[in-house]
N, C-alpha and C. Protein backbone atom coordinates (compact mmCIF):
# COMPACT_ATOMS: atom_id res chain seq x y z
N MET A 1 0.97 -0.99 0.05
CA MET A 1 -0.47 -0.47 -0.09
C MET A 1 1.04 0.95 -0.49
N PRO A 2 0.67 2.45 -1.11
CA PRO A 2 0.97 3.73 -0.99
C PRO A 2 1.37 4.17 0.86
N THR A 3 2.25 4.88 0.79
CA THR A 3 2.85 5.83 1.62
C THR A 3 1.85 7.32 1.64
N ASN A 4 1.48 7.41 2.62
CA ASN A 4 1.15 8.80 2.58
C ASN A 4 -0.58 9.05 1.78
N VAL A 5 -1.11 8.67 1.73
CA VAL A 5 -2.27 8.45 1.79
C VAL A 5 -3.10 8.98 2.01
N GLN A 6 -4.31 9.55 1.66
CA GLN A 6 -5.72 10.30 2.14
C GLN A 6 -6.37 9.86 1.81
N PHE A 7 -7.19 9.29 2.68
CA PHE A 7 -9.66 8.76 2.17
C PHE A 7 -10.07 10.48 1.92
N VAL A 8 -10.94 10.75 1.20
CA VAL A 8 -11.89 12.33 1.24
C VAL A 8 -13.30 10.81 1.90
N THR A 9 -13.71 10.81 2.77
CA THR A 9 -14.95 10.53 3.14
C THR A 9 -16.89 11.20 3.50
N ASP A 10 -17.72 10.98 3.19
CA ASP A 10 -18.32 12.06 2.84
C ASP A 10 -19.12 11.44 4.17
N ALA A 11 -20.13 12.27 4.82
CA ALA A 11 -20.16 12.08 5.88
C ALA A 11 -20.79 11.61 6.66
N GLU A 12 -21.51 10.05 6.89
CA GLU A 12 -21.71 9.03 7.05
C GLU A 12 -20.20 7.62 7.29
N GLY A 13 -19.00 8.66 6.56
CA GLY A 13 -17.94 7.77 6.81
C GLY A 13 -17.24 6.53 5.90
N ARG A 14 -18.19 6.77 5.26
CA ARG A 14 -17.24 6.41 4.15
C ARG A 14 -16.63 6.78 2.85
N LYS A 15 -15.89 5.89 2.49
CA LYS A 15 -14.67 6.33 1.69
C LYS A 15 -14.84 6.57 0.35
N THR A 16 -14.71 7.83 0.13
CA THR A 16 -15.15 7.76 -1.62
C THR A 16 -14.53 8.69 -2.29
N ALA A 17 -13.54 8.95 -2.40
CA ALA A 17 -11.74 9.20 -2.67
C ALA A 17 -10.37 8.97 -1.77
N VAL A 18 -10.07 9.41 -2.65
CA VAL A 18 -8.02 9.23 -2.68
C VAL A 18 -7.59 9.98 -2.93
N ILE A 19 -6.45 10.38 -1.92
CA ILE A 19 -5.51 11.57 -2.00
C ILE A 19 -4.40 11.11 -2.56
N LEU A 20 -3.40 11.09 -2.68
CA LEU A 20 -1.77 10.15 -2.81
C LEU A 20 -0.62 10.76 -3.98
N PRO A 21 0.84 11.09 -3.11
CA PRO A 21 1.25 12.52 -3.45
C PRO A 21 1.32 11.79 -5.22
N ILE A 22 1.92 12.83 -6.29
CA ILE A 22 1.35 12.55 -7.54
C ILE A 22 3.11 11.30 -8.36
N GLU A 23 3.61 11.59 -6.98
CA GLU A 23 4.89 10.32 -8.06
C GLU A 23 4.13 9.46 -7.39
N GLU A 24 4.41 8.82 -7.46
CA GLU A 24 2.66 7.47 -6.57
C GLU A 24 2.07 7.10 -7.92
N TYR A 25 0.82 8.66 -7.82
CA TYR A 25 0.05 8.33 -8.68
C TYR A 25 0.34 7.88 -10.34
N GLU A 26 2.22 8.71 -10.53
CA GLU A 26 2.58 8.47 -11.94
C GLU A 26 2.80 7.28 -12.78
N GLU A 27 2.74 6.91 -10.64
CA GLU A 27 3.67 5.59 -11.35
C GLU A 27 3.15 4.76 -10.70
N MET A 28 1.97 4.72 -10.64
CA MET A 28 0.43 3.78 -11.10
C MET A 28 0.48 3.73 -12.61
N MET A 29 0.20 4.47 -12.30
CA MET A 29 -0.50 5.17 -14.42
C MET A 29 0.66 4.61 -15.11
N GLU A 30 1.56 4.79 -14.85
CA GLU A 30 3.29 4.03 -15.96
C GLU A 30 2.62 2.18 -15.79
N ASP A 31 2.14 2.00 -14.80
CA ASP A 31 1.73 0.49 -14.27
C ASP A 31 0.71 0.20 -15.36
N LEU A 32 -0.12 0.66 -14.90
CA LEU A 32 -0.61 0.80 -15.43
C LEU A 32 -0.58 0.55 -17.33
N HIS A 33 -0.61 1.69 -17.64
CA HIS A 33 0.40 1.30 -19.39
C HIS A 33 0.83 -0.25 -19.37
N MET A 34 2.02 0.25 -18.59
CA MET A 34 3.11 -1.36 -19.81
C MET A 34 1.78 -2.33 -19.43
N GLY A 35 0.46 -2.35 -18.72
CA GLY A 35 -0.07 -3.89 -17.66
C GLY A 35 -0.30 -4.09 -19.24
N ARG A 36 -1.08 -2.34 -19.36
CA ARG A 36 -2.23 -2.84 -21.28
C ARG A 36 -1.35 -2.26 -21.93
N ALA A 37 0.07 -2.77 -22.75
CA ALA A 37 0.82 -2.77 -22.95
C ALA A 37 1.02 -3.76 -23.52
N ALA A 38 1.45 -4.87 -22.47
CA ALA A 38 2.09 -5.94 -22.45
C ALA A 38 0.57 -6.97 -22.79
N ARG A 39 -0.25 -6.83 -22.27
CA ARG A 39 -1.42 -8.14 -23.15
C ARG A 39 -1.90 -7.71 -24.54
N GLU A 40 -1.34 -6.35 -25.11
CA GLU A 40 -1.95 -6.10 -26.76
C GLU A 40 -0.45 -6.45 -27.26
N ALA A 41 0.39 -6.77 -26.69
CA ALA A 41 1.66 -7.22 -27.42
C ALA A 41 1.89 -9.43 -27.45
N LYS A 42 1.03 -9.88 -26.54
CA LYS A 42 0.60 -11.03 -26.03
C LYS A 42 0.71 -12.02 -27.00
N GLY A 43 0.32 -11.32 -28.37
CA GLY A 43 0.16 -12.88 -29.58
C GLY A 43 1.19 -12.55 -30.11
N GLU A 44 1.77 -11.01 -30.67
CA GLU A 44 2.38 -10.71 -31.57
C GLU A 44 3.84 -11.99 -31.62
N PRO A 45 5.01 -12.26 -32.59
CA PRO A 45 6.02 -13.14 -32.27
C PRO A 45 6.73 -12.14 -31.86
N ARG A 46 8.13 -13.11 -31.66
CA ARG A 46 8.67 -12.40 -30.06
C ARG A 46 10.27 -12.88 -31.03
N ARG A 47 11.19 -12.40 -30.60
CA ARG A 47 12.87 -12.47 -31.30
C ARG A 47 13.31 -12.21 -29.97
N THR A 48 14.42 -13.38 -30.78
CA THR A 48 15.22 -13.28 -28.89
C THR A 48 16.46 -12.53 -28.56
N PHE A 49 16.94 -12.67 -27.26
CA PHE A 49 17.57 -11.21 -26.93
C PHE A 49 18.91 -10.91 -28.70
N GLU A 50 19.57 -12.25 -28.88
CA GLU A 50 20.54 -11.48 -29.50
C GLU A 50 19.87 -11.77 -31.19
N GLU A 51 18.92 -11.49 -31.53
CA GLU A 51 18.30 -11.11 -32.52
C GLU A 51 17.60 -9.29 -32.70
N VAL A 52 17.64 -9.32 -31.35
CA VAL A 52 17.10 -7.81 -31.34
C VAL A 52 18.77 -7.40 -31.43
N VAL A 53 19.76 -7.10 -31.04
CA VAL A 53 21.20 -6.83 -30.24
C VAL A 53 21.79 -6.58 -31.52
N LYS A 54 21.59 -7.96 -32.55
CA LYS A 54 21.80 -8.19 -34.32
C LYS A 54 21.62 -7.31 -34.66
N GLU A 55 20.13 -6.75 -34.78
CA GLU A 55 18.96 -6.48 -35.59
C GLU A 55 19.74 -4.31 -35.25
N LEU A 56 19.76 -4.15 -33.98
CA LEU A 56 20.05 -3.02 -33.12
C LEU A 56 21.89 -2.46 -34.07
N ARG A 57 22.38 -2.84 -34.39
CA ARG A 57 23.94 -3.42 -34.63
C ARG A 57 24.18 -2.82 -36.60
N SER A 58 23.75 -3.79 -36.79
CA SER A 58 22.79 -3.14 -38.38
C SER A 58 22.40 -1.62 -38.21
N ALA A 59 21.98 -1.89 -37.70
CA ALA A 59 21.31 -0.36 -37.59
C ALA A 59 22.12 0.57 -37.54
N GLY A 60 23.12 0.26 -36.76
CA GLY A 60 23.73 1.28 -36.03
C GLY A 60 22.64 1.79 -35.02
N GLU A 61 22.36 1.26 -34.08
CA GLU A 61 21.67 2.19 -33.28
C GLU A 61 22.63 1.88 -32.17
N ILE A 62 23.05 1.36 -31.36
CA ILE A 62 24.41 0.44 -31.06
C ILE A 62 25.75 0.23 -31.04
N ASP A 63 26.34 -0.20 -30.36
CA ASP A 63 27.95 -0.57 -30.66
C ASP A 63 28.75 -1.45 -29.70
N VAL A 64 27.77 -2.12 -28.77
CA VAL A 64 28.43 -3.21 -28.12
C VAL A 64 28.31 -3.73 -28.41
């Protein structure tokens, strides 16, 4: 559970909203985005790490 979380409650004391630090919000949004991207890419063809490195070297994008 994130730290420094605050809750907004209604007159009966039920939680209706949450307030959290912007850094935690941004991290949460990034995690959601990465999860969505992973699900969308699930059926796409895969390449080995070595294939990707070879392709990047050929394109001059890396020199390692």
